[in-house]
C-alpha atoms as a PDB file:
ATOM      1  CA  MET A   1     -12.711 -30.535  25.123  1.00  0.00           C
ATOM      2  CA  THR A   2     -14.274 -27.043  25.876  1.00  0.00           C
ATOM      3  CA  GLU A   3     -17.751 -25.855  24.971  1.00  0.00           C
ATOM      4  CA  LEU A   4     -16.226 -23.475  22.363  1.00  0.00           C
ATOM      5  CA  GLU A   5     -14.291 -26.236  20.793  1.00  0.00           C
ATOM      6  CA  VAL A   6     -17.184 -28.582  20.350  1.00  0.00           C
ATOM      7  CA  LEU A   7     -19.417 -25.775  19.063  1.00  0.00           C
ATOM      8  CA  LEU A   8     -16.633 -24.584  16.454  1.00  0.00           C
ATOM      9  CA  ARG A   9     -16.112 -28.405  15.365  1.00  0.00           C
ATOM     10  CA  ALA A  10     -19.818 -28.570  14.479  1.00  0.00           C
ATOM     11  CA  HIS A  11     -19.766 -25.284  12.652  1.00  0.00           C
ATOM     12  CA  ARG A  12     -16.651 -26.390  10.695  1.00  0.00           C
ATOM     13  CA  LEU A  13     -18.912 -29.279   9.177  1.00  0.00           C
ATOM     14  CA  PHE A  14     -20.346 -26.488   6.907  1.00  0.00           C
ATOM     15  CA  THR A  15     -17.598 -23.931   6.365  1.00  0.00           C
ATOM     16  CA  THR A  16     -16.340 -25.916   3.258  1.00  0.00           C
ATOM     17  CA  ALA A  17     -17.507 -24.196   0.151  1.00  0.00           C
ATOM     18  CA  VAL A  18     -20.173 -25.418  -1.865  1.00  0.00           C
ATOM     19  CA  LEU A  19     -19.550 -25.054  -5.607  1.00  0.00           C
ATOM     20  CA  PRO A  20     -22.375 -23.101  -7.246  1.00  0.00           C
ATOM     21  CA  SER A  21     -24.351 -25.126  -9.811  1.00  0.00           C
ATOM     22  CA  ALA A  22     -24.710 -23.973 -13.282  1.00  0.00           C
ATOM     23  CA  PRO A  23     -28.385 -23.991 -14.872  1.00  0.00           C
ATOM     24  CA  LEU A  24     -29.133 -27.481 -16.391  1.00  0.00           C
ATOM     25  CA  THR A  25     -30.732 -27.029 -19.650  1.00  0.00           C
ATOM     26  CA  ALA A  26     -30.994 -29.709 -22.242  1.00  0.00           C
ATOM     27  CA  GLY A  27     -30.018 -28.886 -25.791  1.00  0.00           C
ATOM     28  CA  HIS A  28     -32.185 -28.328 -28.849  1.00  0.00           C
ATOM     29  CA  VAL A  29     -32.427 -31.436 -30.996  1.00  0.00           C
ATOM     30  CA  GLN A  30     -31.398 -30.523 -34.481  1.00  0.00           C
ATOM     31  CA  MET A  31     -32.438 -33.192 -37.242  1.00  0.00           C
ATOM     32  CA  PRO A  32     -31.139 -33.351 -40.615  1.00  0.00           C
ATOM     33  CA  ALA A  33     -33.289 -32.508 -43.711  1.00  0.00           C
ATOM     34  CA  VAL A  34     -34.406 -35.743 -45.436  1.00  0.00           C
ATOM     35  CA  ASP A  35     -34.974 -36.524 -48.870  1.00  0.00           C
ATOM     36  CA  GLY A  36     -36.692 -39.746 -50.352  1.00  0.00           C
ATOM     37  CA  GLY A  37     -40.015 -41.439 -50.515  1.00  0.00           C
ATOM     38  CA  SER A  38     -42.619 -41.863 -47.921  1.00  0.00           C
ATOM     39  CA  ARG A  39     -40.830 -44.519 -46.072  1.00  0.00           C
ATOM     40  CA  ALA A  40     -37.937 -42.466 -45.472  1.00  0.00           C
ATOM     41  CA  LEU A  41     -40.053 -39.731 -44.522  1.00  0.00           C
ATOM     42  CA  ASP A  42     -42.056 -41.833 -41.973  1.00  0.00           C
ATOM     43  CA  ALA A  43     -38.851 -43.212 -40.421  1.00  0.00           C
ATOM     44  CA  TYR A  44     -37.375 -39.573 -40.113  1.00  0.00           C
ATOM     45  CA  ARG A  45     -40.599 -38.567 -38.472  1.00  0.00           C
ATOM     46  CA  ALA A  46     -40.380 -41.434 -35.874  1.00  0.00           C
ATOM     47  CA  ARG A  47     -36.801 -40.531 -35.130  1.00  0.00           C
ATOM     48  CA  ARG A  48     -37.764 -36.858 -34.755  1.00  0.00           C
ATOM     49  CA  GLN A  49     -40.488 -37.759 -32.470  1.00  0.00           C
ATOM     50  CA  ALA A  50     -38.312 -39.875 -30.327  1.00  0.00           C
ATOM     51  CA  ALA A  51     -35.547 -37.328 -30.212  1.00  0.00           C
ATOM     52  CA  VAL A  52     -38.171 -34.546 -28.943  1.00  0.00           C
ATOM     53  CA  LEU A  53     -39.424 -36.863 -26.148  1.00  0.00           C
ATOM     54  CA  ALA A  54     -35.744 -37.641 -25.082  1.00  0.00           C
ATOM     55  CA  GLN A  55     -35.087 -33.936 -25.184  1.00  0.00           C
ATOM     56  CA  ARG A  56     -38.302 -33.310 -22.993  1.00  0.00           C
ATOM     57  CA  THR A  57     -37.388 -35.976 -20.608  1.00  0.00           C
ATOM     58  CA  ALA A  58     -33.918 -34.744 -20.213  1.00  0.00           C
ATOM     59  CA  ALA A  59     -35.229 -31.299 -19.493  1.00  0.00           C
ATOM     60  CA  GLN A  60     -37.248 -32.551 -16.920  1.00  0.00           C
ATOM     61  CA  THR A  61     -34.579 -34.522 -15.062  1.00  0.00           C
ATOM     62  CA  ASP A  62     -32.209 -31.607 -15.497  1.00  0.00           C
ATOM     63  CA  SER A  63     -34.958 -29.299 -13.863  1.00  0.00           C
ATOM     64  CA  ALA A  64     -35.459 -31.782 -10.964  1.00  0.00           C
ATOM     65  CA  LEU A  65     -31.723 -32.235 -10.420  1.00  0.00           C
ATOM     66  CA  GLY A  66     -31.320 -28.566 -10.333  1.00  0.00           C
ATOM     67  CA  GLY A  67     -33.878 -28.331  -7.703  1.00  0.00           C
ATOM     68  CA  VAL A  68     -32.022 -30.851  -5.475  1.00  0.00           C
ATOM     69  CA  LEU A  69     -28.698 -28.960  -6.042  1.00  0.00           C
ATOM     70  CA  SER A  70     -30.280 -25.751  -5.108  1.00  0.00           C
ATOM     71  CA  GLY A  71     -32.045 -26.918  -2.160  1.00  0.00           C
ATOM     72  CA  ALA A  72     -28.863 -28.527  -0.970  1.00  0.00           C
ATOM     73  CA  GLN A  73     -26.971 -25.327  -1.367  1.00  0.00           C
ATOM     74  CA  GLN A  74     -29.893 -23.505   0.909  1.00  0.00           C
ATOM     75  CA  ASP A  75     -29.660 -26.364   3.465  1.00  0.00           C
ATOM     76  CA  HIS A  76     -26.031 -25.905   3.631  1.00  0.00           C
ATOM     77  CA  ALA A  77     -26.058 -22.001   4.041  1.00  0.00           C
ATOM     78  CA  ARG A  78     -28.796 -22.246   6.684  1.00  0.00           C
ATOM     79  CA  ALA A  79     -26.722 -24.665   8.641  1.00  0.00           C
ATOM     80  CA  LEU A  80     -23.720 -22.754   8.557  1.00  0.00           C
ATOM     81  CA  SER A  81     -25.615 -19.524   9.539  1.00  0.00           C
ATOM     82  CA  LEU A  82     -27.302 -21.283  12.376  1.00  0.00           C
ATOM     83  CA  THR A  83     -24.227 -22.837  13.897  1.00  0.00           C
ATOM     84  CA  ARG A  84     -22.334 -19.649  13.487  1.00  0.00           C
ATOM     85  CA  GLN A  85     -24.998 -17.878  15.475  1.00  0.00           C
ATOM     86  CA  VAL A  86     -24.878 -20.294  18.535  1.00  0.00           C
ATOM     87  CA  LEU A  87     -20.913 -20.114  18.333  1.00  0.00           C
ATOM     88  CA  ASP A  88     -21.202 -16.378  18.439  1.00  0.00           C
ATOM     89  CA  GLU A  89     -23.221 -16.487  21.273  1.00  0.00           C
ATOM     90  CA  ALA A  90     -21.052 -18.838  23.274  1.00  0.00           C
ATOM     91  CA  ARG A  91     -18.102 -16.299  22.617  1.00  0.00           C
ATOM     92  CA  ARG A  92     -20.349 -13.381  23.728  1.00  0.00           C
ATOM     93  CA  ASP A  93     -21.347 -15.088  26.743  1.00  0.00           C
ATOM     94  CA  THR A  94     -18.454 -14.280  29.199  1.00  0.00           C
ATOM     95  CA  GLY A  95     -20.739 -14.244  32.157  1.00  0.00           C
ATOM     96  CA  GLY A  96     -18.221 -12.778  34.361  1.00  0.00           C
ATOM     97  CA  ALA A  97     -16.565 -14.761  37.301  1.00  0.00           C
ATOM     98  CA  ALA A  98     -19.367 -17.486  38.512  1.00  0.00           C
ATOM     99  CA  ASP A  99     -18.567 -16.822  42.046  1.00  0.00           C
ATOM    100  CA  SER A 100     -21.715 -18.409  43.498  1.00  0.00           C
ATOM    101  CA  PRO A 101     -23.304 -21.794  43.009  1.00  0.00           C
ATOM    102  CA  VAL A 102     -26.464 -20.078  41.517  1.00  0.00           C
ATOM    103  CA  ALA A 103     -24.165 -18.421  39.101  1.00  0.00           C
ATOM    104  CA  GLN A 104     -22.212 -21.748  38.015  1.00  0.00           C
ATOM    105  CA  ARG A 105     -25.443 -23.466  37.617  1.00  0.00           C
ATOM    106  CA  GLU A 106     -26.744 -20.824  35.378  1.00  0.00           C
ATOM    107  CA  ALA A 107     -23.675 -20.842  33.490  1.00  0.00           C
ATOM    108  CA  ILE A 108     -23.831 -24.637  33.046  1.00  0.00           C
ATOM    109  CA  ARG A 109     -27.597 -24.410  31.899  1.00  0.00           C
ATOM    110  CA  ARG A 110     -26.666 -22.001  29.301  1.00  0.00           C
ATOM    111  CA  ALA A 111     -23.680 -24.058  27.905  1.00  0.00           C
ATOM    112  CA  ALA A 112     -25.800 -27.024  27.900  1.00  0.00           C
ATOM    113  CA  ALA A 113     -28.541 -25.353  26.077  1.00  0.00           C
ATOM    114  CA  ARG A 114     -26.007 -24.159  23.408  1.00  0.00           C
ATOM    115  CA  LEU A 115     -24.806 -27.517  22.797  1.00  0.00           C
ATOM    116  CA  ARG A 116     -27.977 -29.078  22.547  1.00  0.00           C
ATOM    117  CA  THR A 117     -29.108 -26.435  19.720  1.00  0.00           C
ATOM    118  CA  GLN A 118     -25.867 -27.067  17.921  1.00  0.00           C
ATOM    119  CA  HIS A 119     -26.365 -30.931  18.003  1.00  0.00           C
ATOM    120  CA  GLY A 120     -29.804 -30.356  16.644  1.00  0.00           C
ATOM    121  CA  HIS A 121     -28.600 -28.157  13.736  1.00  0.00           C
ATOM    122  CA  VAL A 122     -26.282 -30.915  12.651  1.00  0.00           C
ATOM    123  CA  VAL A 123     -28.747 -33.596  13.095  1.00  0.00           C
ATOM    124  CA  THR A 124     -31.347 -31.629  10.901  1.00  0.00           C
ATOM    125  CA  ALA A 125     -28.568 -30.946   8.184  1.00  0.00           C
ATOM    126  CA  ARG A 126     -27.816 -34.672   8.002  1.00  0.00           C
ATOM    127  CA  ARG A 127     -31.419 -35.648   7.830  1.00  0.00           C
ATOM    128  CA  ARG A 128     -32.040 -33.300   5.090  1.00  0.00           C
ATOM    129  CA  ALA A 129     -28.918 -34.304   3.211  1.00  0.00           C
ATOM    130  CA  ALA A 130     -30.051 -37.968   3.405  1.00  0.00           C
ATOM    131  CA  LEU A 131     -33.559 -37.003   2.123  1.00  0.00           C
ATOM    132  CA  ARG A 132     -31.794 -35.196  -0.804  1.00  0.00           C
ATOM    133  CA  LEU A 133     -29.466 -38.227  -1.360  1.00  0.00           C
ATOM    134  CA  ALA A 134     -32.602 -40.398  -1.694  1.00  0.00           C
ATOM    135  CA  ILE A 135     -34.084 -37.904  -4.148  1.00  0.00           C
ATOM    136  CA  LEU A 136     -30.752 -38.030  -6.403  1.00  0.00           C
ATOM    137  CA  ARG A 137     -30.698 -41.884  -6.419  1.00  0.00           C
ATOM    138  CA  ALA A 138     -34.317 -42.055  -7.474  1.00  0.00           C
ATOM    139  CA  LEU A 139     -33.452 -39.627 -10.263  1.00  0.00           C
ATOM    140  CA  ARG A 140     -30.461 -41.950 -11.237  1.00  0.00           C
ATOM    141  CA  TYR A 141     -32.720 -44.959 -11.143  1.00  0.00           C
ATOM    142  CA  ARG A 142     -35.452 -43.364 -13.635  1.00  0.00           C
ATOM    143  CA  VAL A 143     -32.617 -41.989 -15.915  1.00  0.00           C
ATOM    144  CA  LEU A 144     -31.169 -45.612 -15.952  1.00  0.00           C
ATOM    145  CA  GLN A 145     -34.305 -47.249 -16.456  1.00  0.00           C
ATOM    146  CA  ARG A 146     -35.207 -44.874 -19.545  1.00  0.00           C
ATOM    147  CA  PHE A 147     -31.999 -45.635 -21.065  1.00  0.00           C
ATOM    148  CA  ARG A 148     -32.111 -49.546 -20.750  1.00  0.00           C
ATOM    149  CA  GLN A 149     -35.685 -49.461 -21.938  1.00  0.00           C
ATOM    150  CA  SER A 150     -34.329 -47.648 -25.139  1.00  0.00           C
ATOM    151  CA  GLY A 151     -31.622 -49.998 -25.845  1.00  0.00           C
ATOM    152  CA  GLY A 152     -29.934 -51.507 -22.907  1.00  0.00           C
ATOM    153  CA  ALA A 153     -31.120 -54.593 -21.019  1.00  0.00           C
ATOM    154  CA  PRO A 154     -34.943 -54.715 -20.656  1.00  0.00           C
ATOM    155  CA  LEU A 155     -36.634 -54.091 -17.185  1.00  0.00           C
ATOM    156  CA  ALA A 156     -39.720 -55.961 -16.060  1.00  0.00           C
ATOM    157  CA  PRO A 157     -42.603 -54.859 -18.495  1.00  0.00           C
ATOM    158  CA  GLY A 158     -44.510 -51.755 -17.343  1.00  0.00           C
ATOM    159  CA  ASP A 159     -47.869 -53.783 -17.016  1.00  0.00           C
ATOM    160  CA  THR A 160     -46.797 -56.554 -14.738  1.00  0.00           C
ATOM    161  CA  ARG A 161     -48.092 -56.729 -11.428  1.00  0.00           C
ATOM    162  CA  ALA A 162     -44.433 -56.436 -10.168  1.00  0.00           C
ATOM    163  CA  ALA A 163     -43.910 -53.152 -11.961  1.00  0.00           C
ATOM    164  CA  VAL A 164     -46.993 -51.805 -10.613  1.00  0.00           C
ATOM    165  CA  ALA A 165     -45.655 -52.597  -7.115  1.00  0.00           C
ATOM    166  CA  VAL A 166     -42.269 -50.919  -7.713  1.00  0.00           C
ATOM    167  CA  ARG A 167     -44.218 -47.712  -8.939  1.00  0.00           C
ATOM    168  CA  ALA A 168     -46.431 -47.877  -5.876  1.00  0.00           C
ATOM    169  CA  ALA A 169     -43.143 -48.144  -3.849  1.00  0.00           C
ATOM    170  CA  LEU A 170     -41.471 -45.183  -5.483  1.00  0.00           C
ATOM    171  CA  SER A 171     -44.472 -43.124  -4.956  1.00  0.00           C
ATOM    172  CA  ARG A 172     -43.853 -43.228  -1.386  1.00  0.00           C
ATOM    173  CA  LEU A 173     -40.218 -41.712  -1.455  1.00  0.00           C
ATOM    174  CA  GLY A 174     -39.730 -39.365   1.411  1.00  0.00           C
ATOM    175  CA  ARG A 175     -42.477 -40.828   3.672  1.00  0.00           C
ATOM    176  CA  PRO A 176     -41.401 -41.418   7.121  1.00  0.00           C
ATOM    177  CA  TYR A 177     -40.686 -44.680   8.671  1.00  0.00           C
ATOM    178  CA  VAL A 178     -42.957 -45.641  11.802  1.00  0.00           C
ATOM    179  CA  TRP A 179     -42.538 -49.122  13.364  1.00  0.00           C
ATOM    180  CA  GLY A 180     -45.807 -51.174  12.592  1.00  0.00           C
ATOM    181  CA  ALA A 181     -47.176 -48.730  10.086  1.00  0.00           C
ATOM    182  CA  THR A 182     -48.670 -50.130   7.013  1.00  0.00           C
ATOM    183  CA  GLY A 183     -49.301 -46.923   4.968  1.00  0.00           C
ATOM    184  CA  PRO A 184     -50.316 -45.008   2.839  1.00  0.00           C
ATOM    185  CA  ASP A 185     -48.173 -42.098   4.315  1.00  0.00           C
ATOM    186  CA  ARG A 186     -46.140 -43.832   7.207  1.00  0.00           C
ATOM    187  CA  PHE A 187     -44.428 -47.311   6.768  1.00  0.00           C
ATOM    188  CA  ASP A 188     -42.036 -49.845   8.359  1.00  0.00           C
ATOM    189  CA  CYS A 189     -40.141 -51.973   5.877  1.00  0.00           C
ATOM    190  CA  SER A 190     -42.456 -54.875   5.528  1.00  0.00           C
ATOM    191  CA  GLY A 191     -45.295 -52.525   5.749  1.00  0.00           C
ATOM    192  CA  LEU A 192     -44.061 -50.736   2.536  1.00  0.00           C
ATOM    193  CA  VAL A 193     -43.504 -53.789   0.496  1.00  0.00           C
ATOM    194  CA  GLN A 194     -46.935 -55.328   1.515  1.00  0.00           C
ATOM    195  CA  TRP A 195     -48.708 -52.062   0.651  1.00  0.00           C
ATOM    196  CA  ALA A 196     -47.075 -51.632  -2.683  1.00  0.00           C
ATOM    197  CA  TYR A 197     -47.987 -55.216  -3.596  1.00  0.00           C
ATOM    198  CA  ARG A 198     -51.590 -54.592  -2.609  1.00  0.00           C
ATOM    199  CA  GLN A 199     -51.869 -51.531  -5.198  1.00  0.00           C
ATOM    200  CA  ALA A 200     -51.209 -54.395  -7.692  1.00  0.00           C
ATOM    201  CA  GLY A 201     -53.686 -56.682  -6.472  1.00  0.00           C
ATOM    202  CA  VAL A 202     -51.150 -58.854  -4.747  1.00  0.00           C
ATOM    203  CA  GLN A 203     -51.641 -59.916  -1.176  1.00  0.00           C
ATOM    204  CA  ILE A 204     -48.229 -60.827   0.487  1.00  0.00           C
ATOM    205  CA  ASP A 205     -47.687 -61.543   4.356  1.00  0.00           C
ATOM    206  CA  ARG A 206     -47.200 -58.742   6.928  1.00  0.00           C
ATOM    207  CA  THR A 207     -44.111 -59.137   8.765  1.00  0.00           C
ATOM    208  CA  THR A 208     -40.551 -59.626   7.603  1.00  0.00           C
ATOM    209  CA  TYR A 209     -40.177 -63.056   9.070  1.00  0.00           C
ATOM    210  CA  ASP A 210     -43.307 -64.171   7.028  1.00  0.00           C
ATOM    211  CA  GLN A 211     -42.300 -62.400   3.800  1.00  0.00           C
ATOM    212  CA  ILE A 212     -38.918 -64.429   3.778  1.00  0.00           C
ATOM    213  CA  ASP A 213     -40.893 -67.410   2.890  1.00  0.00           C
ATOM    214  CA  ASP A 214     -43.236 -65.843   0.394  1.00  0.00           C
ATOM    215  CA  GLY A 215     -42.894 -66.850  -3.084  1.00  0.00           C
ATOM    216  CA  ILE A 216     -39.842 -68.421  -4.635  1.00  0.00           C
ATOM    217  CA  ALA A 217     -35.819 -68.208  -4.001  1.00  0.00           C
ATOM    218  CA  VAL A 218     -33.964 -66.234  -6.535  1.00  0.00           C
ATOM    219  CA  PRO A 219     -30.239 -65.856  -6.934  1.00  0.00           C
ATOM    220  CA  ARG A 220     -28.870 -62.438  -6.644  1.00  0.00           C
ATOM    221  CA  SER A 221     -27.692 -62.681 -10.238  1.00  0.00           C
ATOM    222  CA  GLN A 222     -31.085 -63.030 -11.384  1.00  0.00           C
ATOM    223  CA  VAL A 223     -32.924 -60.337  -9.299  1.00  0.00           C
ATOM    224  CA  ARG A 224     -35.631 -58.345 -10.976  1.00  0.00           C
ATOM    225  CA  PRO A 225     -37.647 -55.382 -10.136  1.00  0.00           C
ATOM    226  CA  GLY A 226     -40.139 -56.182  -7.659  1.00  0.00           C
ATOM    227  CA  ASP A 227     -38.174 -58.960  -5.966  1.00  0.00           C
ATOM    228  CA  LEU A 228     -38.149 -58.759  -2.262  1.00  0.00           C
ATOM    229  CA  VAL A 229     -34.696 -58.352  -0.771  1.00  0.00           C
ATOM    230  CA  PHE A 230     -33.362 -59.272   2.637  1.00  0.00           C
ATOM    231  CA  PRO A 231     -30.024 -58.044   3.892  1.00  0.00           C
ATOM    232  CA  HIS A 232     -30.979 -59.900   7.049  1.00  0.00           C
ATOM    233  CA  SER A 233     -34.058 -61.491   8.646  1.00  0.00           C
ATOM    234  CA  GLY A 234     -35.353 -58.501  10.204  1.00  0.00           C
ATOM    235  CA  HIS A 235     -35.562 -56.058   7.313  1.00  0.00           C
ATOM    236  CA  VAL A 236     -36.901 -56.321   3.803  1.00  0.00           C
ATOM    237  CA  GLN A 237     -36.387 -54.159   0.623  1.00  0.00           C
ATOM    238  CA  MET A 238     -37.878 -54.003  -2.943  1.00  0.00           C
ATOM    239  CA  ALA A 239     -35.537 -54.430  -5.883  1.00  0.00           C
ATOM    240  CA  ILE A 240     -36.352 -51.761  -8.558  1.00  0.00           C
ATOM    241  CA  GLY A 241     -33.760 -52.580 -11.011  1.00  0.00           C
ATOM    242  CA  ASN A 242     -30.233 -51.152 -11.802  1.00  0.00           C
ATOM    243  CA  GLY A 243     -28.667 -52.510  -8.741  1.00  0.00           C
ATOM    244  CA  MET A 244     -30.964 -50.480  -6.566  1.00  0.00           C
ATOM    245  CA  VAL A 245     -33.678 -51.016  -3.775  1.00  0.00           C
ATOM    246  CA  VAL A 246     -36.385 -48.853  -2.438  1.00  0.00           C
ATOM    247  CA  GLU A 247     -36.826 -49.288   1.486  1.00  0.00           C
ATOM    248  CA  ALA A 248     -38.404 -47.963   4.538  1.00  0.00           C
ATOM    249  CA  PRO A 249     -35.107 -48.299   6.619  1.00  0.00           C
ATOM    250  CA  TYR A 250     -35.399 -47.386  10.247  1.00  0.00           C
ATOM    251  CA  THR A 251     -36.772 -45.039  12.667  1.00  0.00           C
ATOM    252  CA  GLY A 252     -35.865 -41.559  11.984  1.00  0.00           C
ATOM    253  CA  ALA A 253     -35.304 -42.025   8.235  1.00  0.00           C
ATOM    254  CA  ASN A 254     -37.748 -41.846   5.181  1.00  0.00           C
ATOM    255  CA  VAL A 255     -38.462 -44.070   2.354  1.00  0.00           C
ATOM    256  CA  ARG A 256     -35.330 -43.900   0.091  1.00  0.00           C
ATOM    257  CA  VAL A 257     -33.691 -45.430  -2.622  1.00  0.00           C
ATOM    258  CA  SER A 258     -30.441 -47.612  -1.829  1.00  0.00           C
ATOM    259  CA  PRO A 259     -27.888 -49.658  -3.305  1.00  0.00           C
ATOM    260  CA  LEU A 260     -28.384 -53.382  -3.486  1.00  0.00           C
ATOM    261  CA  GLY A 261     -26.327 -55.272  -0.956  1.00  0.00           C
ATOM    262  CA  ASP A 262     -24.159 -58.162  -1.779  1.00  0.00           C
ATOM    263  CA  ASN A 263     -24.967 -60.663   1.032  1.00  0.00           C
ATOM    264  CA  VAL A 264     -28.875 -60.754   0.602  1.00  0.00           C
ATOM    265  CA  VAL A 265     -31.580 -63.202   0.378  1.00  0.00           C
ATOM    266  CA  ILE A 266     -33.956 -62.665  -2.489  1.00  0.00           C
ATOM    267  CA  ARG A 267     -37.625 -63.859  -2.918  1.00  0.00           C
ATOM    268  CA  ARG A 268     -39.934 -63.400  -5.834  1.00  0.00           C
ATOM    269  CA  PRO A 269     -43.760 -63.046  -4.935  1.00  0.00           C
ATOM    270  CA  LEU A 270     -45.894 -65.235  -7.124  1.00  0.00           C
ATOM    271  CA  ALA A 271     -47.681 -62.250  -8.782  1.00  0.00           C
END
């Protein structure tokens, strides 16, 4: 495969059109008039307050989602422009006949530099896409959490230590993974869950190999927010409900929300 073919292949990753996102706005709550005594009026006021709160929450979610989609479109356009620039530069670089060893080495150097640059653009775009996916998963979790709290299966009570640990871990979304780091702005996998539980006043062991013996074993069917999830002995995640976990995954990635795996070991810290 020639240099131009490689550069063109990278550029075509971003040539697919991205659909424009329409503004997301929550509709106004329309409440019917009410007649009757004070009890009916109190019930009406409670319903109205709940509806207004739901509308405000939906508007906040719509705004956050719109920001993510807008940012994704900007990332896509930026990557498209940058990869096109590298491709155009290669097309212009005819260089004439490389009729000497010095000219040949220079032509190879320029081609290698372009390939490295194009690779960097693709890697950066993928990293930014992964970060935006993590934000979308976090938004999904929060929406489902509010839904379940309003009528579905209950999540962990908001004042439990496990719930405090979950909120602490989610507050670190987007922070980089660094092996051996324990927070508050950089984490490895076990460092994140240890730090999160420390915010709730609970001390758990430092390493994954020790944490896998913390607390009590829990079957997957009974997983709760705050439980420690081990897809294998060298990695730990924290369950956050709705079939999702928060984790510091690996070098080069950031703290993110991910789906709960099927073949996992689960331990519940004695909080």
